[in-house]
């Protein structure tokens, strides 16, 4: 799972960086200096009681954008992020009468965060600044299951007409309010020249206090239990956890 998320981020990060480089190298267009945004790789580390039930880190994507108030150090913005913190995968026979063809059943547990925020920045130089932000919002915890064939699991093997999955179902979901603060730094990407705004590297750490929620961790043994097929049609039992959902998030990416 971690390797897949990292490969996916590198692919998207490269495309976004190229677009930024091409866009900002053009001097014929002007951009509002008060607008900013970033696209980052996210590491979400559970804290407190949450870490007792989710012992591994979550990996995902962080999208951030906002507006600065003129020459003042203050800005408002909106942050959207999601991370996968649990995964369970198994092969099941396509037919009850033969196991020659198998399907892949994948269950993933994810957390999604939507956080408006207020930010204040300190410019160390013209192009380098550090900042602190205060945020509050809501986070969703969702566990879903998808059923795929081999071509859908490995898209390069199939054609473009394949649907992303055969079937999908949400098996457990809940949510909670959250609030917290973050600190970060933005500085120019080396070797990119041109006039006007230039793409920057963005590094940010956030401490989030999340409310109590009930959730599944698909990657934890015993959270999802299947009955013995020898006893008849398989039934699934869920054993959710309940706790506060505190997080420490690290985001590293590129922005404007």
C-alpha atoms as a PDB file:
ATOM      1  CA  UNK A   1       0.000   0.000   0.000  1.00  0.00           C
ATOM      2  CA  UNK A   2       2.769   2.447   0.963  1.00  0.00           C
ATOM      3  CA  UNK A   3       4.662   1.844  -2.297  1.00  0.00           C
ATOM      4  CA  UNK A   4       1.498   2.375  -4.342  1.00  0.00           C
ATOM      5  CA  UNK A   5       0.695   5.657  -2.572  1.00  0.00           C
ATOM      6  CA  UNK A   6       4.263   6.908  -3.017  1.00  0.00           C
ATOM      7  CA  UNK A   7       4.322   6.006  -6.739  1.00  0.00           C
ATOM      8  CA  UNK A   8       0.935   7.663  -7.244  1.00  0.00           C
ATOM      9  CA  UNK A   9       2.084  10.829  -5.493  1.00  0.00           C
ATOM     10  CA  UNK A  10       5.355  11.035  -7.459  1.00  0.00           C
ATOM     11  CA  UNK A  11       3.406  10.749 -10.722  1.00  0.00           C
ATOM     12  CA  UNK A  12       0.930  13.485  -9.750  1.00  0.00           C
ATOM     13  CA  UNK A  13       3.660  15.625  -8.186  1.00  0.00           C
ATOM     14  CA  UNK A  14       5.720  15.501 -11.396  1.00  0.00           C
ATOM     15  CA  UNK A  15       2.761  16.548 -13.549  1.00  0.00           C
ATOM     16  CA  UNK A  16       1.856  19.374 -11.175  1.00  0.00           C
ATOM     17  CA  UNK A  17       5.475  20.597 -11.050  1.00  0.00           C
ATOM     18  CA  UNK A  18       5.724  20.640 -14.848  1.00  0.00           C
ATOM     19  CA  UNK A  19       2.477  22.596 -15.131  1.00  0.00           C
ATOM     20  CA  UNK A  20       3.721  25.090 -12.553  1.00  0.00           C
ATOM     21  CA  UNK A  21       7.052  25.479 -14.316  1.00  0.00           C
ATOM     22  CA  UNK A  22       5.459  26.050 -17.705  1.00  0.00           C
ATOM     23  CA  UNK A  23       2.839  28.414 -16.325  1.00  0.00           C
ATOM     24  CA  UNK A  24       5.194  30.641 -14.382  1.00  0.00           C
ATOM     25  CA  UNK A  25       7.782  30.804 -17.166  1.00  0.00           C
ATOM     26  CA  UNK A  26       5.236  32.697 -19.274  1.00  0.00           C
ATOM     27  CA  UNK A  27       5.555  36.467 -18.858  1.00  0.00           C
ATOM     28  CA  UNK A  28       2.443  37.253 -20.910  1.00  0.00           C
ATOM     29  CA  UNK A  29       0.117  36.305 -18.059  1.00  0.00           C
ATOM     30  CA  UNK A  30      -0.220  37.958 -14.689  1.00  0.00           C
ATOM     31  CA  UNK A  31      -1.374  36.254 -11.548  1.00  0.00           C
ATOM     32  CA  UNK A  32      -2.888  37.722  -8.439  1.00  0.00           C
ATOM     33  CA  UNK A  33      -0.046  37.756  -5.908  1.00  0.00           C
ATOM     34  CA  UNK A  34      -2.562  37.333  -3.113  1.00  0.00           C
ATOM     35  CA  UNK A  35      -3.624  33.851  -4.245  1.00  0.00           C
ATOM     36  CA  UNK A  36      -1.650  30.756  -3.273  1.00  0.00           C
ATOM     37  CA  UNK A  37      -1.986  26.988  -3.271  1.00  0.00           C
ATOM     38  CA  UNK A  38      -0.096  23.723  -2.824  1.00  0.00           C
ATOM     39  CA  UNK A  39      -0.310  20.018  -3.649  1.00  0.00           C
ATOM     40  CA  UNK A  40       1.518  17.762  -1.189  1.00  0.00           C
ATOM     41  CA  UNK A  41       2.246  14.212  -0.090  1.00  0.00           C
ATOM     42  CA  UNK A  42       0.691  13.609   3.337  1.00  0.00           C
ATOM     43  CA  UNK A  43       1.846  11.465   6.244  1.00  0.00           C
ATOM     44  CA  UNK A  44      -0.815  11.215   8.970  1.00  0.00           C
ATOM     45  CA  UNK A  45       0.383   9.819  12.305  1.00  0.00           C
ATOM     46  CA  UNK A  46      -2.346   8.869  14.840  1.00  0.00           C
ATOM     47  CA  UNK A  47      -1.936  10.297  18.350  1.00  0.00           C
ATOM     48  CA  UNK A  48      -3.280   9.459  21.812  1.00  0.00           C
ATOM     49  CA  UNK A  49      -6.055   6.854  22.021  1.00  0.00           C
ATOM     50  CA  UNK A  50      -6.301   6.823  18.231  1.00  0.00           C
ATOM     51  CA  UNK A  51      -2.750   5.451  18.016  1.00  0.00           C
ATOM     52  CA  UNK A  52      -3.710   2.528  20.283  1.00  0.00           C
ATOM     53  CA  UNK A  53      -6.124   1.266  17.614  1.00  0.00           C
ATOM     54  CA  UNK A  54      -4.306   2.507  14.486  1.00  0.00           C
ATOM     55  CA  UNK A  55      -0.622   1.770  15.009  1.00  0.00           C
ATOM     56  CA  UNK A  56       0.568   2.514  11.460  1.00  0.00           C
ATOM     57  CA  UNK A  57       0.810   5.850   9.646  1.00  0.00           C
ATOM     58  CA  UNK A  58      -1.697   6.938   7.021  1.00  0.00           C
ATOM     59  CA  UNK A  59      -0.475   8.067   3.584  1.00  0.00           C
ATOM     60  CA  UNK A  60      -2.288  10.307   1.151  1.00  0.00           C
ATOM     61  CA  UNK A  61      -2.593  13.737  -0.465  1.00  0.00           C
ATOM     62  CA  UNK A  62      -2.954  17.260   0.934  1.00  0.00           C
ATOM     63  CA  UNK A  63      -4.457  20.089  -1.182  1.00  0.00           C
ATOM     64  CA  UNK A  64      -4.281  23.634   0.188  1.00  0.00           C
ATOM     65  CA  UNK A  65      -5.325  27.042  -1.139  1.00  0.00           C
ATOM     66  CA  UNK A  66      -6.030  30.520   0.158  1.00  0.00           C
ATOM     67  CA  UNK A  67      -6.002  34.285  -0.164  1.00  0.00           C
ATOM     68  CA  UNK A  68      -3.648  36.818   1.450  1.00  0.00           C
ATOM     69  CA  UNK A  69      -5.003  40.150   2.665  1.00  0.00           C
ATOM     70  CA  UNK A  70      -2.894  42.544   0.603  1.00  0.00           C
ATOM     71  CA  UNK A  71       0.426  43.420   2.247  1.00  0.00           C
ATOM     72  CA  UNK A  72      -0.669  42.202   5.667  1.00  0.00           C
ATOM     73  CA  UNK A  73       0.766  38.954   7.117  1.00  0.00           C
ATOM     74  CA  UNK A  74      -2.706  37.395   7.391  1.00  0.00           C
ATOM     75  CA  UNK A  75      -4.478  34.989   5.052  1.00  0.00           C
ATOM     76  CA  UNK A  76      -7.517  32.729   5.006  1.00  0.00           C
ATOM     77  CA  UNK A  77      -7.686  29.390   3.256  1.00  0.00           C
ATOM     78  CA  UNK A  78      -9.160  25.928   2.901  1.00  0.00           C
ATOM     79  CA  UNK A  79      -7.373  22.618   3.253  1.00  0.00           C
ATOM     80  CA  UNK A  80      -8.568  19.249   1.933  1.00  0.00           C
ATOM     81  CA  UNK A  81      -6.635  16.078   2.754  1.00  0.00           C
ATOM     82  CA  UNK A  82      -7.139  12.337   2.792  1.00  0.00           C
ATOM     83  CA  UNK A  83      -5.051   9.375   3.891  1.00  0.00           C
ATOM     84  CA  UNK A  84      -5.374   5.585   3.850  1.00  0.00           C
ATOM     85  CA  UNK A  85      -4.502   4.086   7.242  1.00  0.00           C
ATOM     86  CA  UNK A  86      -5.679   0.479   6.905  1.00  0.00           C
ATOM     87  CA  UNK A  87      -5.937  -2.123   4.142  1.00  0.00           C
ATOM     88  CA  UNK A  88      -7.077  -5.745   3.898  1.00  0.00           C
ATOM     89  CA  UNK A  89      -6.781  -7.690   0.641  1.00  0.00           C
ATOM     90  CA  UNK A  90      -7.765 -11.253  -0.205  1.00  0.00           C
ATOM     91  CA  UNK A  91      -8.293 -13.450  -3.259  1.00  0.00           C
ATOM     92  CA  UNK A  92     -11.690 -15.100  -3.657  1.00  0.00           C
ATOM     93  CA  UNK A  93     -12.883 -17.621  -6.315  1.00  0.00           C
ATOM     94  CA  UNK A  94     -15.036 -16.148  -9.078  1.00  0.00           C
ATOM     95  CA  UNK A  95     -17.186 -19.285  -9.042  1.00  0.00           C
ATOM     96  CA  UNK A  96     -18.283 -21.560  -6.215  1.00  0.00           C
ATOM     97  CA  UNK A  97     -17.508 -24.550  -8.452  1.00  0.00           C
ATOM     98  CA  UNK A  98     -13.935 -23.578  -9.464  1.00  0.00           C
ATOM     99  CA  UNK A  99     -11.012 -21.574  -8.067  1.00  0.00           C
ATOM    100  CA  UNK A 100      -9.195 -21.277 -11.424  1.00  0.00           C
ATOM    101  CA  UNK A 101     -10.378 -17.668 -11.814  1.00  0.00           C
ATOM    102  CA  UNK A 102     -10.076 -15.424  -8.779  1.00  0.00           C
ATOM    103  CA  UNK A 103     -11.108 -11.873  -7.928  1.00  0.00           C
ATOM    104  CA  UNK A 104      -9.370  -9.449  -5.588  1.00  0.00           C
ATOM    105  CA  UNK A 105     -11.401  -8.078  -2.692  1.00  0.00           C
ATOM    106  CA  UNK A 106      -9.806  -4.971  -1.169  1.00  0.00           C
ATOM    107  CA  UNK A 107     -11.035  -3.252   1.984  1.00  0.00           C
ATOM    108  CA  UNK A 108      -9.499   0.143   2.803  1.00  0.00           C
ATOM    109  CA  UNK A 109      -9.925   2.470   5.776  1.00  0.00           C
ATOM    110  CA  UNK A 110      -9.463   6.176   5.024  1.00  0.00           C
ATOM    111  CA  UNK A 111      -9.713   9.498   6.794  1.00  0.00           C
ATOM    112  CA  UNK A 112     -10.681  12.692   4.939  1.00  0.00           C
ATOM    113  CA  UNK A 113     -10.280  16.179   6.417  1.00  0.00           C
ATOM    114  CA  UNK A 114     -11.823  19.518   5.406  1.00  0.00           C
ATOM    115  CA  UNK A 115     -10.385  22.458   7.348  1.00  0.00           C
ATOM    116  CA  UNK A 116     -10.877  26.214   6.837  1.00  0.00           C
ATOM    117  CA  UNK A 117      -8.046  28.155   8.496  1.00  0.00           C
ATOM    118  CA  UNK A 118      -6.506  31.520   9.370  1.00  0.00           C
ATOM    119  CA  UNK A 119      -2.784  31.938   8.715  1.00  0.00           C
ATOM    120  CA  UNK A 120      -0.137  34.523   9.566  1.00  0.00           C
ATOM    121  CA  UNK A 121       3.251  34.597   7.811  1.00  0.00           C
ATOM    122  CA  UNK A 122       6.718  35.993   8.484  1.00  0.00           C
ATOM    123  CA  UNK A 123       8.880  36.684   5.418  1.00  0.00           C
ATOM    124  CA  UNK A 124      12.527  35.843   6.107  1.00  0.00           C
ATOM    125  CA  UNK A 125      13.474  37.023   2.601  1.00  0.00           C
ATOM    126  CA  UNK A 126      11.519  38.112  -0.465  1.00  0.00           C
ATOM    127  CA  UNK A 127      10.788  34.512  -1.472  1.00  0.00           C
ATOM    128  CA  UNK A 128      11.129  32.575   1.792  1.00  0.00           C
ATOM    129  CA  UNK A 129       8.517  32.649   4.530  1.00  0.00           C
ATOM    130  CA  UNK A 130       7.490  30.727   7.605  1.00  0.00           C
ATOM    131  CA  UNK A 131       3.949  30.690   8.929  1.00  0.00           C
ATOM    132  CA  UNK A 132       1.591  29.475  11.622  1.00  0.00           C
ATOM    133  CA  UNK A 133      -2.063  28.604  11.091  1.00  0.00           C
ATOM    134  CA  UNK A 134      -5.108  27.849  13.217  1.00  0.00           C
ATOM    135  CA  UNK A 135      -7.785  25.600  11.733  1.00  0.00           C
ATOM    136  CA  UNK A 136     -11.035  23.863  12.506  1.00  0.00           C
ATOM    137  CA  UNK A 137     -13.354  21.652  10.508  1.00  0.00           C
ATOM    138  CA  UNK A 138     -14.587  18.117  10.090  1.00  0.00           C
ATOM    139  CA  UNK A 139     -13.028  14.746   9.349  1.00  0.00           C
ATOM    140  CA  UNK A 140     -14.692  11.678   7.853  1.00  0.00           C
ATOM    141  CA  UNK A 141     -13.615   8.106   8.596  1.00  0.00           C
ATOM    142  CA  UNK A 142     -14.753   5.584   6.023  1.00  0.00           C
ATOM    143  CA  UNK A 143     -14.078   1.916   5.304  1.00  0.00           C
ATOM    144  CA  UNK A 144     -15.069   0.606   1.877  1.00  0.00           C
ATOM    145  CA  UNK A 145     -14.654  -2.627  -0.076  1.00  0.00           C
ATOM    146  CA  UNK A 146     -14.054  -3.047  -3.808  1.00  0.00           C
ATOM    147  CA  UNK A 147     -14.078  -6.161  -5.979  1.00  0.00           C
ATOM    148  CA  UNK A 148     -11.723  -6.246  -8.984  1.00  0.00           C
ATOM    149  CA  UNK A 149     -10.435  -8.635 -11.628  1.00  0.00           C
ATOM    150  CA  UNK A 150      -6.740  -8.880 -12.550  1.00  0.00           C
ATOM    151  CA  UNK A 151      -6.950  -6.228 -15.288  1.00  0.00           C
ATOM    152  CA  UNK A 152      -8.522  -3.768 -12.846  1.00  0.00           C
ATOM    153  CA  UNK A 153      -5.937  -4.482 -10.153  1.00  0.00           C
ATOM    154  CA  UNK A 154      -3.144  -3.902 -12.703  1.00  0.00           C
ATOM    155  CA  UNK A 155      -4.588  -1.371 -15.226  1.00  0.00           C
ATOM    156  CA  UNK A 156      -1.588  -1.693 -17.573  1.00  0.00           C
ATOM    157  CA  UNK A 157      -2.695  -5.234 -18.385  1.00  0.00           C
ATOM    158  CA  UNK A 158      -6.165  -4.229 -19.587  1.00  0.00           C
ATOM    159  CA  UNK A 159      -7.607  -1.697 -22.006  1.00  0.00           C
ATOM    160  CA  UNK A 160      -8.996   1.772 -21.332  1.00  0.00           C
ATOM    161  CA  UNK A 161     -12.597   0.525 -21.461  1.00  0.00           C
ATOM    162  CA  UNK A 162     -12.275  -1.404 -18.192  1.00  0.00           C
ATOM    163  CA  UNK A 163     -14.267   0.027 -15.312  1.00  0.00           C
ATOM    164  CA  UNK A 164     -12.214   0.708 -12.147  1.00  0.00           C
ATOM    165  CA  UNK A 165     -13.982  -2.071 -10.230  1.00  0.00           C
ATOM    166  CA  UNK A 166     -16.709  -4.705 -10.517  1.00  0.00           C
ATOM    167  CA  UNK A 167     -18.496  -3.673  -7.330  1.00  0.00           C
ATOM    168  CA  UNK A 168     -17.970  -1.299  -4.407  1.00  0.00           C
ATOM    169  CA  UNK A 169     -19.622  -0.866  -1.026  1.00  0.00           C
ATOM    170  CA  UNK A 170     -19.152   1.354   2.045  1.00  0.00           C
ATOM    171  CA  UNK A 171     -19.096  -0.964   5.039  1.00  0.00           C
ATOM    172  CA  UNK A 172     -18.552   1.502   7.903  1.00  0.00           C
ATOM    173  CA  UNK A 173     -18.378   5.286   8.262  1.00  0.00           C
ATOM    174  CA  UNK A 174     -18.449   8.002  10.895  1.00  0.00           C
ATOM    175  CA  UNK A 175     -17.056  11.490  11.441  1.00  0.00           C
ATOM    176  CA  UNK A 176     -16.006  14.066  14.019  1.00  0.00           C
ATOM    177  CA  UNK A 177     -15.143  17.739  14.314  1.00  0.00           C
ATOM    178  CA  UNK A 178     -11.490  18.680  14.636  1.00  0.00           C
ATOM    179  CA  UNK A 179      -9.346  21.719  15.358  1.00  0.00           C
ATOM    180  CA  UNK A 180      -5.676  22.509  15.774  1.00  0.00           C
ATOM    181  CA  UNK A 181      -2.680  24.472  14.598  1.00  0.00           C
ATOM    182  CA  UNK A 182       0.160  24.095  12.147  1.00  0.00           C
ATOM    183  CA  UNK A 183       3.536  25.548  11.247  1.00  0.00           C
ATOM    184  CA  UNK A 184       5.148  25.567   7.827  1.00  0.00           C
ATOM    185  CA  UNK A 185       7.714  26.970   5.452  1.00  0.00           C
ATOM    186  CA  UNK A 186       7.654  27.891   1.751  1.00  0.00           C
ATOM    187  CA  UNK A 187      10.739  28.549  -0.394  1.00  0.00           C
ATOM    188  CA  UNK A 188      11.500  28.664  -4.162  1.00  0.00           C
ATOM    189  CA  UNK A 189      12.300  25.544  -6.169  1.00  0.00           C
ATOM    190  CA  UNK A 190      15.944  25.832  -7.298  1.00  0.00           C
ATOM    191  CA  UNK A 191      16.852  26.161 -10.988  1.00  0.00           C
ATOM    192  CA  UNK A 192      13.439  27.514 -12.066  1.00  0.00           C
ATOM    193  CA  UNK A 193      13.791  30.998 -13.511  1.00  0.00           C
ATOM    194  CA  UNK A 194      11.369  33.516 -14.943  1.00  0.00           C
ATOM    195  CA  UNK A 195       9.561  36.643 -13.942  1.00  0.00           C
ATOM    196  CA  UNK A 196       6.554  36.876 -11.663  1.00  0.00           C
ATOM    197  CA  UNK A 197       5.406  34.212  -9.259  1.00  0.00           C
ATOM    198  CA  UNK A 198       7.475  31.032  -9.149  1.00  0.00           C
ATOM    199  CA  UNK A 199       6.608  27.559  -7.859  1.00  0.00           C
ATOM    200  CA  UNK A 200       7.754  26.858  -4.318  1.00  0.00           C
ATOM    201  CA  UNK A 201       8.468  23.888  -2.091  1.00  0.00           C
ATOM    202  CA  UNK A 202       5.996  23.688   0.790  1.00  0.00           C
ATOM    203  CA  UNK A 203       6.679  21.882   4.086  1.00  0.00           C
ATOM    204  CA  UNK A 204       4.075  21.832   6.848  1.00  0.00           C
ATOM    205  CA  UNK A 205       3.405  20.118  10.197  1.00  0.00           C
ATOM    206  CA  UNK A 206      -0.041  20.128  11.826  1.00  0.00           C
ATOM    207  CA  UNK A 207      -1.344  18.994  15.204  1.00  0.00           C
ATOM    208  CA  UNK A 208      -5.040  18.123  15.063  1.00  0.00           C
ATOM    209  CA  UNK A 209      -7.371  17.375  17.971  1.00  0.00           C
ATOM    210  CA  UNK A 210     -10.222  15.223  16.665  1.00  0.00           C
ATOM    211  CA  UNK A 211     -13.516  14.421  18.363  1.00  0.00           C
ATOM    212  CA  UNK A 212     -14.698  10.943  19.294  1.00  0.00           C
ATOM    213  CA  UNK A 213     -15.696   8.675  16.423  1.00  0.00           C
ATOM    214  CA  UNK A 214     -16.404   5.007  15.741  1.00  0.00           C
ATOM    215  CA  UNK A 215     -14.313   3.480  12.972  1.00  0.00           C
ATOM    216  CA  UNK A 216     -12.838   0.326  11.488  1.00  0.00           C
ATOM    217  CA  UNK A 217      -9.159  -0.306  10.856  1.00  0.00           C
ATOM    218  CA  UNK A 218      -9.069  -2.728   7.927  1.00  0.00           C
ATOM    219  CA  UNK A 219      -5.372  -3.364   8.511  1.00  0.00           C
ATOM    220  CA  UNK A 220      -5.819  -4.511  12.118  1.00  0.00           C
ATOM    221  CA  UNK A 221      -6.200  -8.219  12.763  1.00  0.00           C
ATOM    222  CA  UNK A 222      -9.605  -9.004  14.229  1.00  0.00           C
ATOM    223  CA  UNK A 223     -11.354  -5.848  12.984  1.00  0.00           C
ATOM    224  CA  UNK A 224     -12.967  -7.755  10.109  1.00  0.00           C
ATOM    225  CA  UNK A 225     -13.714 -11.468  10.533  1.00  0.00           C
ATOM    226  CA  UNK A 226     -15.027 -13.854   7.862  1.00  0.00           C
ATOM    227  CA  UNK A 227     -16.922 -17.049   8.618  1.00  0.00           C
ATOM    228  CA  UNK A 228     -15.647 -20.444   7.459  1.00  0.00           C
ATOM    229  CA  UNK A 229     -16.732 -21.135   3.830  1.00  0.00           C
ATOM    230  CA  UNK A 230     -17.094 -24.800   4.746  1.00  0.00           C
ATOM    231  CA  UNK A 231     -20.084 -23.851   6.892  1.00  0.00           C
ATOM    232  CA  UNK A 232     -21.989 -22.254   4.018  1.00  0.00           C
ATOM    233  CA  UNK A 233     -22.144 -18.768   2.476  1.00  0.00           C
ATOM    234  CA  UNK A 234     -19.499 -16.492   3.982  1.00  0.00           C
ATOM    235  CA  UNK A 235     -20.705 -13.843   6.427  1.00  0.00           C
ATOM    236  CA  UNK A 236     -18.643 -10.887   7.626  1.00  0.00           C
ATOM    237  CA  UNK A 237     -18.462  -9.549  11.189  1.00  0.00           C
ATOM    238  CA  UNK A 238     -17.149  -6.058  12.003  1.00  0.00           C
ATOM    239  CA  UNK A 239     -15.508  -5.027  15.270  1.00  0.00           C
ATOM    240  CA  UNK A 240     -15.120  -1.233  15.229  1.00  0.00           C
ATOM    241  CA  UNK A 241     -13.098   0.889  17.640  1.00  0.00           C
ATOM    242  CA  UNK A 242     -14.212   4.103  19.345  1.00  0.00           C
ATOM    243  CA  UNK A 243     -11.905   6.897  20.467  1.00  0.00           C
ATOM    244  CA  UNK A 244     -10.820  10.462  19.896  1.00  0.00           C
ATOM    245  CA  UNK A 245      -9.146  10.938  16.515  1.00  0.00           C
ATOM    246  CA  UNK A 246      -6.058  13.071  17.157  1.00  0.00           C
ATOM    247  CA  UNK A 247      -3.452  13.328  14.393  1.00  0.00           C
ATOM    248  CA  UNK A 248       0.001  14.708  13.677  1.00  0.00           C
ATOM    249  CA  UNK A 249       0.274  15.461   9.943  1.00  0.00           C
ATOM    250  CA  UNK A 250       3.342  16.146   7.811  1.00  0.00           C
ATOM    251  CA  UNK A 251       2.869  17.553   4.287  1.00  0.00           C
ATOM    252  CA  UNK A 252       5.650  17.998   1.720  1.00  0.00           C
ATOM    253  CA  UNK A 253       4.873  19.250  -1.775  1.00  0.00           C
ATOM    254  CA  UNK A 254       4.933  21.995  -4.373  1.00  0.00           C
ATOM    255  CA  UNK A 255       2.866  25.160  -4.566  1.00  0.00           C
ATOM    256  CA  UNK A 256       2.472  28.688  -5.891  1.00  0.00           C
END
